[in-house]
Every structure is written in C-alpha cells, then in structure tokens.
Amino acid sequence: MSSLPHSNPFAGFSRAASRPDAAAHPLLRLAWLAMEAQLDGRDPQRLVDTLTALSGPQACFVSLKLGGRLRGCIGTILPVHPSLEAEIVANAIASSQRDPRFPPVTRTELERIRVSVDLLSPPEDIAAATQLDPRRYGVIVRNAGRAGVLLPDLPGVDTPARQIAICRDKADIAPDAPVTLQRFTVMRIGA
C-alpha cells in the first residue's frame, strides 16, 4: 500500500485533507486531493510524484456520492497505470469530471462529496450466473466488443440476474444476446 510521508508533500493541496472521509485513509485522501487539484488548475500528477513509496499496478474504481446518491463512478478492470496511486489519481479525476452520466463536479459540490475506492482482484472467467453472489462478486458482461461492469455489494442489487441485467443495459447488450461472464472481488475503502 502507499506510504504517505510524515512531512506534508501536499503543500498547496490541503483543503480536502480536513474532510473526515479523506483523512480516514491515505488512498481516500489521495483521491480527494487529486480532484481538488484538478478543480484548482494544478497538476494532480504531482501528488503521485511526491509519495515516498508506490504500490504496484492495480485496477480500481473511484466512486463519488452526494447526499447518499451516486455522483460519479469510473474505474479500470485491469490496471493501466504503473502504480495503484496513479490509477487512483486518474480514476478520481475521471469520476469527478468525465463520468458521462453526470455533469462535472463543481468546487461547491466537492466539499460535500463522499469518496470510496474499490481495489479489484483480477477478473476470472465463469461459466454461469450461478457462480455469482452479488454481495461478494462484481461482474463483467461482454458481447461483441461491448462490456458492462458492476461492482459488488450495491443497494438494490440482490440477485445475479439483476447484476447481469444492469451490465447488459450499461453496455447496450440485448437481453437475449449471448454473453461471456467474469467475476471479481473488491476491497472497498470508504463510504
């Protein structure tokens, strides 16, 4: 896991550090500070550059909630950056500024948004929906170059059939189209 130095390498990136959920875990703090830097016109990559130690590559999702409702959620099912910390910075910015379901997060909203980070295990192929448990496994549904992804343990998603239906809808895959399935686990940090 990342090792944040004892001195403050985030000088000029300090407002979000006072948020309760941002201070609770170094990776949540990193996500907050990345979003704040982006909104303030600073280079969020500087945050990764100041860390004393970096984790290896790992896929993750950064989810944002405002008033208990989803406000953004972007992630990767396989890592695309050289470290988990770089992945979090990229996904925090994408979640807050480029989730196509929502307008970009504003400075005013940032102060009220709750952040969570899901660290993903590598996906594994499964043969049938019976190998899913919506509380334990996230799912990836694929068909003809399209893919829908759903994290595990989400309110209102209680059956594998519901998980798959949501993924089909997200990826615009017809209900009767053949699909391949993969599952993954997460370690959820935060909200």
Protein backbone atom coordinates (compact mmCIF):
# COMPACT_ATOMS: atom_id res chain seq x y z
CA MET A 1 0.00 0.00 0.00
CA SER A 2 1.12 3.59 -0.39
CA SER A 3 3.28 5.28 2.16
CA LEU A 4 2.50 8.93 2.70
CA PRO A 5 5.49 10.80 4.12
CA HIS A 6 5.25 12.35 7.57
CA SER A 7 6.07 15.82 6.26
CA ASN A 8 3.39 17.38 4.10
CA PRO A 9 4.33 16.77 0.45
CA PHE A 10 0.88 18.05 -0.49
CA ALA A 11 1.62 21.69 0.29
CA GLY A 12 -0.97 23.70 -1.60
CA PHE A 13 -3.25 20.65 -1.70
CA SER A 14 -4.52 20.93 1.87
CA ARG A 15 -8.22 21.86 1.96
CA ALA A 16 -9.57 18.38 1.21
CA ALA A 17 -7.29 16.82 3.81
CA SER A 18 -9.58 18.16 6.52
CA ARG A 19 -12.59 16.20 5.17
CA PRO A 20 -13.43 13.32 7.55
CA ASP A 21 -13.52 10.60 4.90
CA ALA A 22 -10.45 12.00 3.13
CA ALA A 23 -8.39 11.87 6.30
CA ALA A 24 -9.58 8.35 7.19
CA HIS A 25 -7.33 6.50 4.73
CA PRO A 26 -4.33 7.65 2.65
CA LEU A 27 -5.88 6.41 -0.60
CA LEU A 28 -9.11 8.35 0.04
CA ARG A 29 -7.04 11.41 0.82
CA LEU A 30 -5.15 10.95 -2.43
CA ALA A 31 -8.42 10.76 -4.41
CA TRP A 32 -9.73 13.92 -2.73
CA LEU A 33 -6.55 15.85 -3.29
CA ALA A 34 -6.46 14.82 -6.96
CA MET A 35 -10.00 16.11 -7.51
CA GLU A 36 -9.19 19.32 -5.66
CA ALA A 37 -6.01 19.86 -7.67
CA GLN A 38 -7.87 19.35 -10.94
CA LEU A 39 -10.57 21.84 -9.94
CA ASP A 40 -7.93 24.37 -8.87
CA GLY A 41 -5.97 24.06 -12.13
CA ARG A 42 -2.97 22.30 -10.55
CA ASP A 43 -1.32 19.16 -11.88
CA PRO A 44 -2.74 16.16 -9.95
CA GLN A 45 0.20 14.00 -11.09
CA ARG A 46 2.38 15.99 -8.69
CA LEU A 47 0.61 14.14 -5.88
CA VAL A 48 1.92 10.78 -7.09
CA ASP A 49 5.36 12.26 -7.69
CA THR A 50 5.62 13.34 -4.03
CA LEU A 51 4.89 9.92 -2.48
CA THR A 52 7.84 8.17 -0.84
CA ALA A 53 6.75 4.69 -1.94
CA LEU A 54 4.34 3.47 -4.55
CA SER A 55 2.33 0.27 -4.77
CA GLY A 56 2.45 -1.91 -7.84
CA PRO A 57 -0.18 -1.61 -10.55
CA GLN A 58 -3.73 -2.46 -9.53
CA ALA A 59 -7.18 -1.90 -11.02
CA CYS A 60 -9.58 0.24 -9.02
CA PHE A 61 -12.77 2.24 -9.15
CA VAL A 62 -13.34 5.63 -7.52
CA SER A 63 -16.98 6.25 -6.58
CA LEU A 64 -18.48 9.57 -5.53
CA LYS A 65 -21.70 10.12 -3.62
CA LEU A 66 -23.51 13.35 -2.94
CA GLY A 67 -26.37 13.26 -0.45
CA GLY A 68 -26.23 9.46 -0.46
CA ARG A 69 -26.73 9.27 -4.25
CA LEU A 70 -24.19 8.28 -6.87
CA ARG A 71 -22.44 11.33 -8.36
CA GLY A 72 -19.70 9.59 -10.33
CA CYS A 73 -18.01 6.22 -10.68
CA ILE A 74 -15.15 5.47 -13.04
CA GLY A 75 -12.53 2.78 -12.85
CA THR A 76 -10.47 0.14 -14.54
CA ILE A 77 -10.92 -3.63 -14.57
CA LEU A 78 -7.23 -4.07 -15.38
CA PRO A 79 -4.55 -1.59 -14.33
CA VAL A 80 -3.44 0.94 -16.94
CA HIS A 81 -1.03 2.99 -14.81
CA PRO A 82 2.31 1.96 -13.27
CA SER A 83 1.05 2.22 -9.67
CA LEU A 84 -2.17 1.98 -7.69
CA GLU A 85 -1.69 5.58 -6.62
CA ALA A 86 -1.51 6.79 -10.24
CA GLU A 87 -4.60 4.68 -11.02
CA ILE A 88 -6.50 6.34 -8.16
CA VAL A 89 -5.50 9.84 -9.26
CA ALA A 90 -6.61 9.16 -12.85
CA ASN A 91 -9.88 7.50 -11.81
CA ALA A 92 -10.72 10.19 -9.23
CA ILE A 93 -10.37 12.87 -11.90
CA ALA A 94 -12.33 10.83 -14.45
CA SER A 95 -15.07 10.08 -11.91
CA SER A 96 -15.43 13.72 -10.95
CA GLN A 97 -15.05 15.30 -14.38
CA ARG A 98 -15.78 12.74 -17.12
CA ASP A 99 -18.50 10.31 -15.99
CA PRO A 100 -20.90 10.60 -18.96
CA ARG A 101 -23.93 10.14 -16.69
CA PHE A 102 -23.26 13.37 -14.75
CA PRO A 103 -22.05 16.92 -15.28
CA PRO A 104 -18.54 17.64 -13.94
CA VAL A 105 -18.26 18.04 -10.16
CA THR A 106 -18.02 21.67 -9.09
CA ARG A 107 -15.89 23.17 -6.36
CA THR A 108 -19.06 23.72 -4.24
CA GLU A 109 -20.07 20.06 -4.58
CA LEU A 110 -16.59 18.75 -3.78
CA GLU A 111 -16.91 19.87 -0.17
CA ARG A 112 -19.96 17.59 0.30
CA ILE A 113 -18.98 14.57 -1.79
CA ARG A 114 -18.12 11.25 -0.14
CA VAL A 115 -15.46 9.13 -1.81
CA SER A 116 -14.86 5.39 -1.87
CA VAL A 117 -12.13 3.41 -3.60
CA ASP A 118 -12.63 -0.21 -4.65
CA LEU A 119 -9.45 -2.23 -5.23
CA LEU A 120 -10.22 -5.00 -7.72
CA SER A 121 -8.91 -8.54 -7.87
CA PRO A 122 -8.01 -9.80 -11.35
CA PRO A 123 -11.19 -10.88 -13.18
CA GLU A 124 -11.83 -14.59 -13.57
CA ASP A 125 -13.93 -16.29 -16.23
CA ILE A 126 -17.08 -18.05 -15.04
CA ALA A 127 -19.37 -20.42 -16.90
CA ALA A 128 -22.73 -19.38 -15.46
CA ALA A 129 -24.57 -16.81 -13.36
CA THR A 130 -24.86 -19.42 -10.61
CA GLN A 131 -21.19 -18.69 -9.85
CA LEU A 132 -22.06 -15.11 -8.88
CA ASP A 133 -23.02 -13.73 -5.48
CA PRO A 134 -23.97 -10.03 -5.74
CA ARG A 135 -22.71 -9.31 -2.23
CA ARG A 136 -19.30 -10.87 -2.85
CA TYR A 137 -18.56 -10.57 -6.58
CA GLY A 138 -18.61 -7.80 -9.13
CA VAL A 139 -19.38 -8.85 -12.69
CA ILE A 140 -18.20 -8.08 -16.21
CA VAL A 141 -20.62 -8.96 -19.02
CA ARG A 142 -19.21 -8.99 -22.57
CA ASN A 143 -20.63 -9.35 -26.06
CA ALA A 144 -19.12 -8.38 -29.44
CA GLY A 145 -16.64 -5.81 -28.12
CA ARG A 146 -19.05 -4.32 -25.58
CA ALA A 147 -18.67 -4.71 -21.83
CA GLY A 148 -20.74 -3.74 -18.82
CA VAL A 149 -19.21 -3.71 -15.34
CA LEU A 150 -20.92 -3.67 -11.96
CA LEU A 151 -19.25 -3.53 -8.56
CA PRO A 152 -20.43 -5.92 -5.83
CA ASP A 153 -22.48 -5.20 -2.74
CA LEU A 154 -24.66 -2.44 -4.14
CA PRO A 155 -28.04 -1.48 -2.64
CA GLY A 156 -30.96 -2.97 -4.55
CA VAL A 157 -28.82 -5.47 -6.45
CA ASP A 158 -29.68 -8.76 -4.75
CA THR A 159 -29.52 -11.41 -7.49
CA PRO A 160 -27.06 -12.45 -10.19
CA ALA A 161 -29.84 -11.95 -12.75
CA ARG A 162 -30.17 -8.30 -11.65
CA GLN A 163 -26.38 -7.80 -11.84
CA ILE A 164 -26.28 -9.18 -15.37
CA ALA A 165 -29.33 -7.16 -16.47
CA ILE A 166 -27.71 -3.93 -15.23
CA CYS A 167 -24.47 -4.75 -17.04
CA ARG A 168 -26.34 -5.57 -20.26
CA ASP A 169 -28.15 -2.24 -20.01
CA LYS A 170 -24.93 -0.29 -19.33
CA ALA A 171 -23.23 -1.85 -22.37
CA ASP A 172 -26.32 -1.77 -24.62
CA ILE A 173 -26.29 -5.57 -24.94
CA ALA A 174 -29.65 -7.09 -25.89
CA PRO A 175 -31.34 -9.19 -23.17
CA ASP A 176 -31.20 -12.32 -25.34
CA ALA A 177 -27.69 -11.83 -26.79
CA PRO A 178 -25.08 -14.44 -25.81
CA VAL A 179 -22.55 -13.11 -23.29
CA THR A 180 -19.39 -14.14 -21.53
CA LEU A 181 -19.12 -13.54 -17.80
CA GLN A 182 -16.26 -12.68 -15.49
CA ARG A 183 -16.31 -12.03 -11.77
CA PHE A 184 -14.02 -10.17 -9.40
CA THR A 185 -13.83 -9.25 -5.74
CA VAL A 186 -13.09 -5.86 -4.25
CA MET A 187 -11.63 -4.37 -1.14
CA ARG A 188 -13.78 -1.28 -0.53
CA ILE A 189 -12.26 1.68 1.25
CA GLY A 190 -14.57 4.46 2.38
CA ALA A 191 -18.26 5.21 2.03
